[in-house]
Amino acid sequence: MSNSPGDHRATDGQVDVGPAPYYHRSDCNICRKQDDLSTGSKLLDVPRPGGYIVEGEHFVAEHAPLQESSAGTVIFEARRHLLDFGDMTPAELAEFGSVIHRLIPAIKAATGVQRVYYLAVMERAPHFHLWLVPKKNEGDLLGVAYLAQQPPLTTSFSEAEAASVKIREQFEQS
């Protein structure tokens, strides 16, 4: 269960961490990562290639973990601990739409793809985060098969950093 913006008490006996107004949860790795606290995850406890691509009032965007993504894959995540669209405030929904409207074309322009796949399941990390995966025009895999391919999509730090810089530049120009 998520916390509403006016109720900053953590549920289930968890401890709040981080500054107001986000009221992060101590048991949430995305909350902990945003507060620069250790998560114990090899995927999350590493430097962000290129830093944050977008830093809004309610959302941030950064390159996805290198071991699970191609260059230019972005994770768009809520600053506040919440699970899905139903938990978002009107202000969060408005910012979500506004940023995504600019971010998708920025990813396409920076990576040279025609399509960006969206993935949001919140199973391992029950905190709203949307994967924006540029669909490379190579191979025969489409849709879920492309996202689940084995070996998985991967990239290097330098490729991810270069993609992040290009996406940020495109985003800021829009």
N, C-alpha and C. Protein backbone atom coordinates (compact mmCIF):
# COMPACT_ATOMS: atom_id res chain seq x y z
N MET A 1 0.85 -1.18 0.00
CA MET A 1 0.00 0.00 0.00
C MET A 1 0.89 1.23 0.00
N SER A 2 0.54 2.20 -0.75
CA SER A 2 1.35 3.41 -0.82
C SER A 2 0.87 4.43 0.19
N ASN A 3 1.70 5.42 0.39
CA ASN A 3 1.34 6.52 1.26
C ASN A 3 0.79 7.65 0.44
N SER A 4 -0.26 8.29 0.91
CA SER A 4 -0.76 9.47 0.22
C SER A 4 0.15 10.64 0.57
N PRO A 5 0.16 11.71 -0.26
CA PRO A 5 1.08 12.82 0.00
C PRO A 5 0.85 13.47 1.36
N GLY A 6 -0.38 13.43 1.86
CA GLY A 6 -0.66 14.06 3.15
C GLY A 6 -0.39 13.16 4.33
N ASP A 7 -0.14 11.89 4.11
CA ASP A 7 0.07 10.93 5.20
C ASP A 7 1.45 10.33 5.03
N HIS A 8 2.40 10.80 5.82
CA HIS A 8 3.78 10.33 5.63
C HIS A 8 4.17 9.19 6.55
N ARG A 9 3.23 8.60 7.23
CA ARG A 9 3.56 7.44 8.06
C ARG A 9 3.70 6.22 7.18
N ALA A 10 4.77 5.50 7.38
CA ALA A 10 4.98 4.27 6.61
C ALA A 10 3.99 3.22 7.09
N THR A 11 3.60 2.34 6.18
CA THR A 11 2.69 1.25 6.53
C THR A 11 3.49 0.02 6.90
N ASP A 12 2.85 -0.95 7.48
CA ASP A 12 3.46 -2.24 7.79
C ASP A 12 4.67 -2.12 8.71
N GLY A 13 4.73 -1.10 9.55
CA GLY A 13 5.82 -0.95 10.50
C GLY A 13 7.14 -0.52 9.89
N GLN A 14 7.16 -0.11 8.63
CA GLN A 14 8.40 0.33 8.00
C GLN A 14 8.73 1.76 8.41
N VAL A 15 9.98 2.12 8.29
CA VAL A 15 10.46 3.43 8.69
C VAL A 15 10.56 4.32 7.46
N ASP A 16 10.09 5.57 7.60
CA ASP A 16 10.25 6.54 6.52
C ASP A 16 11.70 6.97 6.44
N VAL A 17 12.20 7.18 5.22
CA VAL A 17 13.54 7.71 5.00
C VAL A 17 13.43 8.82 3.97
N GLY A 18 14.41 9.70 3.93
CA GLY A 18 14.43 10.75 2.92
C GLY A 18 13.65 11.98 3.31
N PRO A 19 13.88 13.05 2.57
CA PRO A 19 13.26 14.33 2.90
C PRO A 19 11.80 14.40 2.45
N ALA A 20 11.02 15.24 3.16
CA ALA A 20 9.66 15.54 2.72
C ALA A 20 9.76 16.25 1.38
N PRO A 21 8.82 16.16 0.50
CA PRO A 21 7.50 15.57 0.70
C PRO A 21 7.40 14.13 0.21
N TYR A 22 8.53 13.47 -0.04
CA TYR A 22 8.46 12.16 -0.70
C TYR A 22 8.21 11.01 0.25
N TYR A 23 8.64 11.12 1.49
CA TYR A 23 8.35 10.09 2.48
C TYR A 23 8.63 8.69 1.96
N HIS A 24 9.87 8.48 1.64
CA HIS A 24 10.30 7.18 1.14
C HIS A 24 10.22 6.12 2.22
N ARG A 25 10.22 4.87 1.78
CA ARG A 25 10.15 3.74 2.72
C ARG A 25 11.50 3.07 2.81
N SER A 26 11.86 2.69 4.00
CA SER A 26 13.15 2.05 4.24
C SER A 26 13.27 0.68 3.60
N ASP A 27 12.14 0.02 3.32
CA ASP A 27 12.16 -1.31 2.73
C ASP A 27 12.05 -1.29 1.21
N CYS A 28 12.08 -0.11 0.59
CA CYS A 28 11.93 0.02 -0.86
C CYS A 28 13.28 0.40 -1.46
N ASN A 29 13.80 -0.47 -2.34
CA ASN A 29 15.11 -0.21 -2.94
C ASN A 29 15.11 1.02 -3.84
N ILE A 30 14.01 1.32 -4.50
CA ILE A 30 13.97 2.52 -5.34
C ILE A 30 14.00 3.76 -4.46
N CYS A 31 13.24 3.76 -3.37
CA CYS A 31 13.29 4.88 -2.42
C CYS A 31 14.71 5.05 -1.88
N ARG A 32 15.31 3.95 -1.48
CA ARG A 32 16.67 4.01 -0.91
C ARG A 32 17.67 4.52 -1.94
N LYS A 33 17.56 4.05 -3.19
CA LYS A 33 18.47 4.50 -4.25
C LYS A 33 18.33 6.00 -4.47
N GLN A 34 17.10 6.49 -4.51
CA GLN A 34 16.89 7.93 -4.72
C GLN A 34 17.49 8.76 -3.59
N ASP A 35 17.55 8.19 -2.41
CA ASP A 35 18.14 8.89 -1.25
C ASP A 35 19.62 8.59 -1.09
N ASP A 36 20.24 7.96 -2.12
CA ASP A 36 21.66 7.61 -2.10
C ASP A 36 22.03 6.72 -0.91
N LEU A 37 21.12 5.81 -0.55
CA LEU A 37 21.38 4.83 0.50
C LEU A 37 21.65 3.48 -0.16
N SER A 38 22.41 2.65 0.49
CA SER A 38 22.71 1.32 -0.04
C SER A 38 21.43 0.49 -0.10
N THR A 39 21.30 -0.26 -1.19
CA THR A 39 20.16 -1.16 -1.34
C THR A 39 20.57 -2.61 -1.19
N GLY A 40 21.86 -2.87 -1.31
CA GLY A 40 22.33 -4.25 -1.32
C GLY A 40 22.20 -4.91 -2.68
N SER A 41 21.77 -4.16 -3.70
CA SER A 41 21.56 -4.70 -5.04
C SER A 41 22.74 -4.33 -5.95
N LYS A 42 23.29 -5.35 -6.63
CA LYS A 42 24.38 -5.10 -7.58
C LYS A 42 23.89 -4.27 -8.76
N LEU A 43 22.60 -4.32 -9.06
CA LEU A 43 22.05 -3.54 -10.16
C LEU A 43 21.86 -2.07 -9.80
N LEU A 44 21.51 -1.81 -8.54
CA LEU A 44 21.14 -0.45 -8.14
C LEU A 44 22.25 0.33 -7.45
N ASP A 45 23.16 -0.35 -6.78
CA ASP A 45 24.20 0.34 -6.02
C ASP A 45 25.42 0.63 -6.88
N VAL A 46 25.18 1.27 -8.01
CA VAL A 46 26.24 1.64 -8.94
C VAL A 46 25.96 3.06 -9.42
N PRO A 47 26.99 3.76 -9.92
CA PRO A 47 26.75 5.11 -10.43
C PRO A 47 25.77 5.11 -11.60
N ARG A 48 24.97 6.17 -11.69
CA ARG A 48 24.03 6.34 -12.81
C ARG A 48 24.81 6.82 -14.03
N PRO A 49 24.77 6.09 -15.14
CA PRO A 49 25.47 6.55 -16.35
C PRO A 49 24.85 7.87 -16.85
N GLY A 50 25.59 8.95 -16.73
CA GLY A 50 25.08 10.24 -17.19
C GLY A 50 24.20 10.94 -16.19
N GLY A 51 24.06 10.40 -14.98
CA GLY A 51 23.21 11.03 -13.96
C GLY A 51 21.75 10.95 -14.35
N TYR A 52 20.94 11.75 -13.65
CA TYR A 52 19.52 11.78 -14.00
C TYR A 52 19.34 12.45 -15.35
N ILE A 53 18.52 11.88 -16.18
CA ILE A 53 18.19 12.44 -17.48
C ILE A 53 17.12 13.51 -17.30
N VAL A 54 16.16 13.25 -16.44
CA VAL A 54 15.09 14.18 -16.11
C VAL A 54 14.97 14.22 -14.60
N GLU A 55 14.81 15.41 -14.05
CA GLU A 55 14.54 15.60 -12.62
C GLU A 55 13.35 16.53 -12.48
N GLY A 56 12.17 15.94 -12.39
CA GLY A 56 10.96 16.73 -12.21
C GLY A 56 10.58 16.81 -10.76
N GLU A 57 9.50 17.50 -10.49
CA GLU A 57 9.01 17.62 -9.12
C GLU A 57 8.55 16.28 -8.58
N HIS A 58 7.91 15.48 -9.43
CA HIS A 58 7.31 14.21 -9.00
C HIS A 58 7.98 12.96 -9.56
N PHE A 59 8.83 13.13 -10.59
CA PHE A 59 9.44 11.97 -11.25
C PHE A 59 10.89 12.26 -11.60
N VAL A 60 11.67 11.20 -11.70
CA VAL A 60 13.03 11.26 -12.21
C VAL A 60 13.17 10.18 -13.27
N ALA A 61 14.14 10.39 -14.16
CA ALA A 61 14.42 9.39 -15.19
C ALA A 61 15.92 9.21 -15.26
N GLU A 62 16.34 7.95 -15.41
CA GLU A 62 17.76 7.63 -15.50
C GLU A 62 17.93 6.41 -16.39
N HIS A 63 19.18 6.16 -16.78
CA HIS A 63 19.44 4.97 -17.59
C HIS A 63 19.17 3.73 -16.75
N ALA A 64 18.65 2.71 -17.40
CA ALA A 64 18.35 1.44 -16.74
C ALA A 64 19.64 0.70 -16.38
N PRO A 65 19.56 -0.28 -15.47
CA PRO A 65 20.75 -1.07 -15.13
C PRO A 65 21.40 -1.67 -16.37
N LEU A 66 22.72 -1.59 -16.42
CA LEU A 66 23.49 -1.99 -17.60
C LEU A 66 23.31 -3.46 -17.95
N GLN A 67 23.19 -4.32 -16.94
CA GLN A 67 23.11 -5.76 -17.18
C GLN A 67 21.75 -6.19 -17.72
N GLU A 68 20.78 -5.28 -17.74
CA GLU A 68 19.42 -5.64 -18.15
C GLU A 68 18.86 -4.73 -19.23
N SER A 69 19.73 -4.00 -19.96
CA SER A 69 19.19 -3.05 -20.92
C SER A 69 20.17 -2.74 -22.04
N SER A 70 19.62 -2.27 -23.14
CA SER A 70 20.46 -1.75 -24.22
C SER A 70 20.70 -0.27 -23.97
N ALA A 71 21.69 0.29 -24.66
CA ALA A 71 21.99 1.72 -24.50
C ALA A 71 20.75 2.53 -24.87
N GLY A 72 20.39 3.45 -23.99
CA GLY A 72 19.23 4.30 -24.22
C GLY A 72 17.97 3.85 -23.53
N THR A 73 18.01 2.71 -22.82
CA THR A 73 16.85 2.28 -22.05
C THR A 73 16.75 3.16 -20.81
N VAL A 74 15.59 3.72 -20.59
CA VAL A 74 15.39 4.68 -19.50
C VAL A 74 14.38 4.11 -18.51
N ILE A 75 14.65 4.36 -17.23
CA ILE A 75 13.67 4.04 -16.19
C ILE A 75 13.13 5.37 -15.67
N PHE A 76 11.81 5.51 -15.76
CA PHE A 76 11.09 6.70 -15.33
C PHE A 76 10.39 6.33 -14.03
N GLU A 77 10.75 6.95 -12.93
CA GLU A 77 10.23 6.50 -11.64
C GLU A 77 9.67 7.64 -10.80
N ALA A 78 8.67 7.31 -10.01
CA ALA A 78 8.06 8.27 -9.10
C ALA A 78 9.04 8.61 -7.99
N ARG A 79 9.07 9.86 -7.60
CA ARG A 79 9.87 10.25 -6.44
C ARG A 79 9.19 9.77 -5.16
N ARG A 80 7.88 9.90 -5.11
CA ARG A 80 7.13 9.48 -3.93
C ARG A 80 6.89 7.98 -4.00
N HIS A 81 6.87 7.33 -2.85
CA HIS A 81 6.60 5.89 -2.83
C HIS A 81 5.13 5.66 -3.15
N LEU A 82 4.89 5.12 -4.35
CA LEU A 82 3.54 4.76 -4.77
C LEU A 82 3.66 3.59 -5.73
N LEU A 83 2.56 2.90 -5.94
CA LEU A 83 2.61 1.68 -6.75
C LEU A 83 2.23 1.88 -8.21
N ASP A 84 1.13 2.58 -8.47
CA ASP A 84 0.66 2.66 -9.85
C ASP A 84 -0.13 3.93 -10.09
N PHE A 85 -0.70 4.04 -11.28
CA PHE A 85 -1.43 5.25 -11.67
C PHE A 85 -2.56 5.57 -10.70
N GLY A 86 -3.20 4.55 -10.14
CA GLY A 86 -4.30 4.76 -9.21
C GLY A 86 -3.88 5.48 -7.93
N ASP A 87 -2.60 5.43 -7.60
CA ASP A 87 -2.09 6.09 -6.40
C ASP A 87 -1.59 7.51 -6.67
N MET A 88 -1.53 7.90 -7.95
CA MET A 88 -0.99 9.21 -8.29
C MET A 88 -1.99 10.33 -8.03
N THR A 89 -1.45 11.46 -7.63
CA THR A 89 -2.25 12.66 -7.46
C THR A 89 -2.49 13.29 -8.83
N PRO A 90 -3.45 14.21 -8.93
CA PRO A 90 -3.63 14.91 -10.21
C PRO A 90 -2.35 15.62 -10.68
N ALA A 91 -1.59 16.19 -9.77
CA ALA A 91 -0.34 16.86 -10.14
C ALA A 91 0.68 15.86 -10.68
N GLU A 92 0.76 14.68 -10.06
CA GLU A 92 1.68 13.65 -10.54
C GLU A 92 1.26 13.16 -11.92
N LEU A 93 -0.03 12.93 -12.11
CA LEU A 93 -0.51 12.49 -13.42
C LEU A 93 -0.22 13.52 -14.50
N ALA A 94 -0.40 14.80 -14.17
CA ALA A 94 -0.14 15.86 -15.15
C ALA A 94 1.34 15.89 -15.52
N GLU A 95 2.22 15.79 -14.52
CA GLU A 95 3.65 15.79 -14.82
C GLU A 95 4.04 14.54 -15.60
N PHE A 96 3.48 13.40 -15.23
CA PHE A 96 3.76 12.15 -15.94
C PHE A 96 3.50 12.34 -17.43
N GLY A 97 2.30 12.79 -17.77
CA GLY A 97 1.95 12.97 -19.18
C GLY A 97 2.83 13.96 -19.89
N SER A 98 3.11 15.06 -19.25
CA SER A 98 3.93 16.11 -19.85
C SER A 98 5.35 15.64 -20.12
N VAL A 99 5.95 14.95 -19.15
CA VAL A 99 7.33 14.49 -19.32
C VAL A 99 7.41 13.36 -20.34
N ILE A 100 6.52 12.39 -20.26
CA ILE A 100 6.55 11.27 -21.20
C ILE A 100 6.34 11.77 -22.64
N HIS A 101 5.49 12.77 -22.80
CA HIS A 101 5.24 13.35 -24.12
C HIS A 101 6.53 13.90 -24.74
N ARG A 102 7.45 14.36 -23.94
CA ARG A 102 8.74 14.87 -24.43
C ARG A 102 9.84 13.82 -24.40
N LEU A 103 9.77 12.90 -23.44
CA LEU A 103 10.85 11.93 -23.25
C LEU A 103 10.87 10.85 -24.34
N ILE A 104 9.72 10.37 -24.76
CA ILE A 104 9.68 9.32 -25.79
C ILE A 104 10.32 9.82 -27.09
N PRO A 105 9.94 10.99 -27.61
CA PRO A 105 10.62 11.48 -28.82
C PRO A 105 12.12 11.71 -28.60
N ALA A 106 12.51 12.10 -27.40
CA ALA A 106 13.94 12.30 -27.12
C ALA A 106 14.69 10.97 -27.19
N ILE A 107 14.10 9.91 -26.66
CA ILE A 107 14.73 8.58 -26.73
C ILE A 107 14.83 8.13 -28.19
N LYS A 108 13.75 8.31 -28.94
CA LYS A 108 13.77 7.91 -30.35
C LYS A 108 14.86 8.66 -31.11
N ALA A 109 14.93 9.98 -30.92
CA ALA A 109 15.92 10.78 -31.65
C ALA A 109 17.34 10.40 -31.25
N ALA A 110 17.57 10.18 -29.97
CA ALA A 110 18.93 9.89 -29.48
C ALA A 110 19.41 8.49 -29.86
N THR A 111 18.48 7.55 -29.97
CA THR A 111 18.87 6.17 -30.25
C THR A 111 18.63 5.76 -31.70
N GLY A 112 17.89 6.56 -32.45
CA GLY A 112 17.62 6.25 -33.84
C GLY A 112 16.60 5.15 -34.06
N VAL A 113 15.74 4.91 -33.08
CA VAL A 113 14.72 3.86 -33.22
C VAL A 113 13.39 4.47 -33.62
N GLN A 114 12.50 3.63 -34.12
CA GLN A 114 11.15 4.06 -34.50
C GLN A 114 10.13 3.79 -33.40
N ARG A 115 10.48 2.89 -32.49
CA ARG A 115 9.52 2.45 -31.48
C ARG A 115 10.20 2.36 -30.11
N VAL A 116 9.46 2.73 -29.08
CA VAL A 116 9.92 2.57 -27.70
C VAL A 116 8.89 1.69 -27.00
N TYR A 117 9.35 0.58 -26.42
CA TYR A 117 8.47 -0.30 -25.67
C TYR A 117 8.35 0.22 -24.23
N TYR A 118 7.20 -0.04 -23.62
CA TYR A 118 6.93 0.36 -22.24
C TYR A 118 6.75 -0.91 -21.41
N LEU A 119 7.35 -0.93 -20.25
CA LEU A 119 7.20 -2.08 -19.37
C LEU A 119 7.08 -1.59 -17.93
N ALA A 120 6.00 -1.98 -17.27
CA ALA A 120 5.78 -1.63 -15.87
C ALA A 120 5.11 -2.81 -15.18
N VAL A 121 5.84 -3.45 -14.27
CA VAL A 121 5.25 -4.58 -13.55
C VAL A 121 5.32 -4.42 -12.04
N MET A 122 6.30 -3.73 -11.52
CA MET A 122 6.47 -3.45 -10.10
C MET A 122 6.43 -4.69 -9.21
N GLU A 123 7.02 -5.80 -9.68
CA GLU A 123 7.06 -7.03 -8.89
C GLU A 123 8.23 -7.05 -7.93
N ARG A 124 9.45 -6.94 -8.44
CA ARG A 124 10.63 -6.99 -7.56
C ARG A 124 10.76 -5.70 -6.75
N ALA A 125 10.33 -4.60 -7.30
CA ALA A 125 10.41 -3.30 -6.62
C ALA A 125 9.02 -2.67 -6.67
N PRO A 126 8.23 -2.83 -5.60
CA PRO A 126 6.86 -2.29 -5.61
C PRO A 126 6.84 -0.77 -5.40
N HIS A 127 7.36 -0.06 -6.38
CA HIS A 127 7.44 1.40 -6.40
C HIS A 127 7.29 1.76 -7.88
N PHE A 128 6.44 2.71 -8.22
CA PHE A 128 6.17 2.98 -9.62
C PHE A 128 7.45 3.31 -10.38
N HIS A 129 7.73 2.50 -11.40
CA HIS A 129 8.82 2.75 -12.33
C HIS A 129 8.45 2.14 -13.68
N LEU A 130 8.65 2.93 -14.72
CA LEU A 130 8.29 2.55 -16.07
C LEU A 130 9.57 2.42 -16.89
N TRP A 131 9.78 1.24 -17.46
CA TRP A 131 10.93 1.01 -18.35
C TRP A 131 10.55 1.51 -19.73
N LEU A 132 11.40 2.31 -20.34
CA LEU A 132 11.23 2.80 -21.70
C LEU A 132 12.37 2.20 -22.52
N VAL A 133 12.04 1.19 -23.31
CA VAL A 133 13.04 0.37 -23.99
C VAL A 133 13.04 0.67 -25.49
N PRO A 134 14.13 1.28 -26.00
CA PRO A 134 14.19 1.51 -27.45
C PRO A 134 14.27 0.19 -28.19
N LYS A 135 13.36 -0.04 -29.12
CA LYS A 135 13.33 -1.28 -29.90
C LYS A 135 14.30 -1.15 -31.07
N LYS A 136 15.43 -1.79 -30.93
CA LYS A 136 16.45 -1.78 -31.98
C LYS A 136 15.92 -2.50 -33.21
N ASN A 137 16.26 -2.02 -34.37
CA ASN A 137 15.80 -2.61 -35.63
C ASN A 137 16.76 -3.70 -36.08
N GLU A 138 16.89 -4.72 -35.26
CA GLU A 138 17.76 -5.85 -35.59
C GLU A 138 17.11 -7.13 -35.10
N GLY A 139 17.30 -8.19 -35.82
CA GLY A 139 16.74 -9.48 -35.43
C GLY A 139 15.24 -9.56 -35.69
N ASP A 140 14.68 -10.73 -35.38
CA ASP A 140 13.27 -11.00 -35.66
C ASP A 140 12.37 -10.90 -34.43
N LEU A 141 12.95 -10.70 -33.25
CA LEU A 141 12.15 -10.69 -32.04
C LEU A 141 11.33 -9.41 -31.94
N LEU A 142 10.08 -9.60 -31.51
CA LEU A 142 9.16 -8.48 -31.33
C LEU A 142 8.48 -8.57 -29.98
N GLY A 143 8.02 -7.45 -29.47
CA GLY A 143 7.20 -7.42 -28.27
C GLY A 143 7.86 -8.06 -27.06
N VAL A 144 7.08 -8.88 -26.37
CA VAL A 144 7.56 -9.53 -25.15
C VAL A 144 8.79 -10.39 -25.42
N ALA A 145 8.83 -11.05 -26.55
CA ALA A 145 10.00 -11.88 -26.89
C ALA A 145 11.26 -11.02 -26.98
N TYR A 146 11.14 -9.81 -27.52
CA TYR A 146 12.29 -8.90 -27.59
C TYR A 146 12.74 -8.51 -26.17
N LEU A 147 11.77 -8.17 -25.32
CA LEU A 147 12.10 -7.75 -23.96
C LEU A 147 12.69 -8.88 -23.12
N ALA A 148 12.29 -10.12 -23.40
CA ALA A 148 12.72 -11.27 -22.61
C ALA A 148 13.84 -12.07 -23.25
N GLN A 149 14.45 -11.55 -24.30
CA GLN A 149 15.45 -12.33 -25.03
C GLN A 149 16.60 -12.78 -24.13
N GLN A 150 17.13 -13.95 -24.48
CA GLN A 150 18.27 -14.53 -23.78
C GLN A 150 19.38 -14.77 -24.77
N PRO A 151 20.61 -14.34 -24.54
CA PRO A 151 20.98 -13.58 -23.36
C PRO A 151 20.27 -12.23 -23.35
N PRO A 152 20.11 -11.65 -22.16
CA PRO A 152 19.36 -10.40 -22.05
C PRO A 152 20.11 -9.23 -22.69
N LEU A 153 19.36 -8.18 -22.94
CA LEU A 153 19.96 -6.95 -23.44
C LEU A 153 20.99 -6.46 -22.42
N THR A 154 22.14 -5.97 -22.90
CA THR A 154 23.16 -5.40 -22.02
C THR A 154 23.82 -4.23 -22.73
N THR A 155 24.53 -3.43 -21.98
CA THR A 155 25.28 -2.32 -22.55
C THR A 155 26.47 -2.02 -21.65
N SER A 156 27.36 -1.19 -22.12
CA SER A 156 28.51 -0.77 -21.32
C SER A 156 28.19 0.57 -20.64
N PHE A 157 28.97 0.89 -19.63
CA PHE A 157 28.78 2.17 -18.93
C PHE A 157 28.96 3.33 -19.91
N SER A 158 29.99 3.28 -20.74
CA SER A 158 30.26 4.40 -21.66
C SER A 158 29.14 4.55 -22.70
N GLU A 159 28.61 3.44 -23.22
CA GLU A 159 27.50 3.53 -24.17
C GLU A 159 26.24 4.09 -23.50
N ALA A 160 25.96 3.64 -22.29
CA ALA A 160 24.79 4.12 -21.55
C ALA A 160 24.94 5.60 -21.21
N GLU A 161 26.14 5.99 -20.81
CA GLU A 161 26.39 7.39 -20.47
C GLU A 161 26.20 8.29 -21.70
N ALA A 162 26.74 7.88 -22.84
CA ALA A 162 26.60 8.66 -24.08
C ALA A 162 25.12 8.76 -24.47
N ALA A 163 24.39 7.67 -24.35
CA ALA A 163 22.96 7.68 -24.68
C ALA A 163 22.20 8.60 -23.73
N SER A 164 22.54 8.56 -22.45
CA SER A 164 21.87 9.42 -21.46
C SER A 164 22.08 10.89 -21.79
N VAL A 165 23.30 11.24 -22.14
CA VAL A 165 23.62 12.63 -22.49
C VAL A 165 22.81 13.06 -23.72
N LYS A 166 22.75 12.21 -24.74
CA LYS A 166 22.00 12.53 -25.96
C LYS A 166 20.51 12.67 -25.67
N ILE A 167 19.97 11.76 -24.85
CA ILE A 167 18.53 11.82 -24.52
C ILE A 167 18.24 13.11 -23.75
N ARG A 168 19.09 13.44 -22.77
CA ARG A 168 18.89 14.68 -22.01
C ARG A 168 18.91 15.89 -22.92
N GLU A 169 19.86 15.94 -23.85
CA GLU A 169 19.95 17.06 -24.79
C GLU A 169 18.68 17.17 -25.63
N GLN A 170 18.22 16.06 -26.15
CA GLN A 170 17.00 16.06 -26.95
C GLN A 170 15.80 16.48 -26.11
N PHE A 171 15.72 15.99 -24.88
CA PHE A 171 14.62 16.33 -23.98
C PHE A 171 14.62 17.84 -23.70
N GLU A 172 15.78 18.39 -23.39
CA GLU A 172 15.86 19.81 -23.05
C GLU A 172 15.55 20.70 -24.24
N GLN A 173 15.76 20.22 -25.47
CA GLN A 173 15.46 20.99 -26.66
C GLN A 173 13.97 20.95 -27.02
N SER A 174 13.23 20.03 -26.43
CA SER A 174 11.81 19.89 -26.78
C SER A 174 10.93 20.83 -26.01
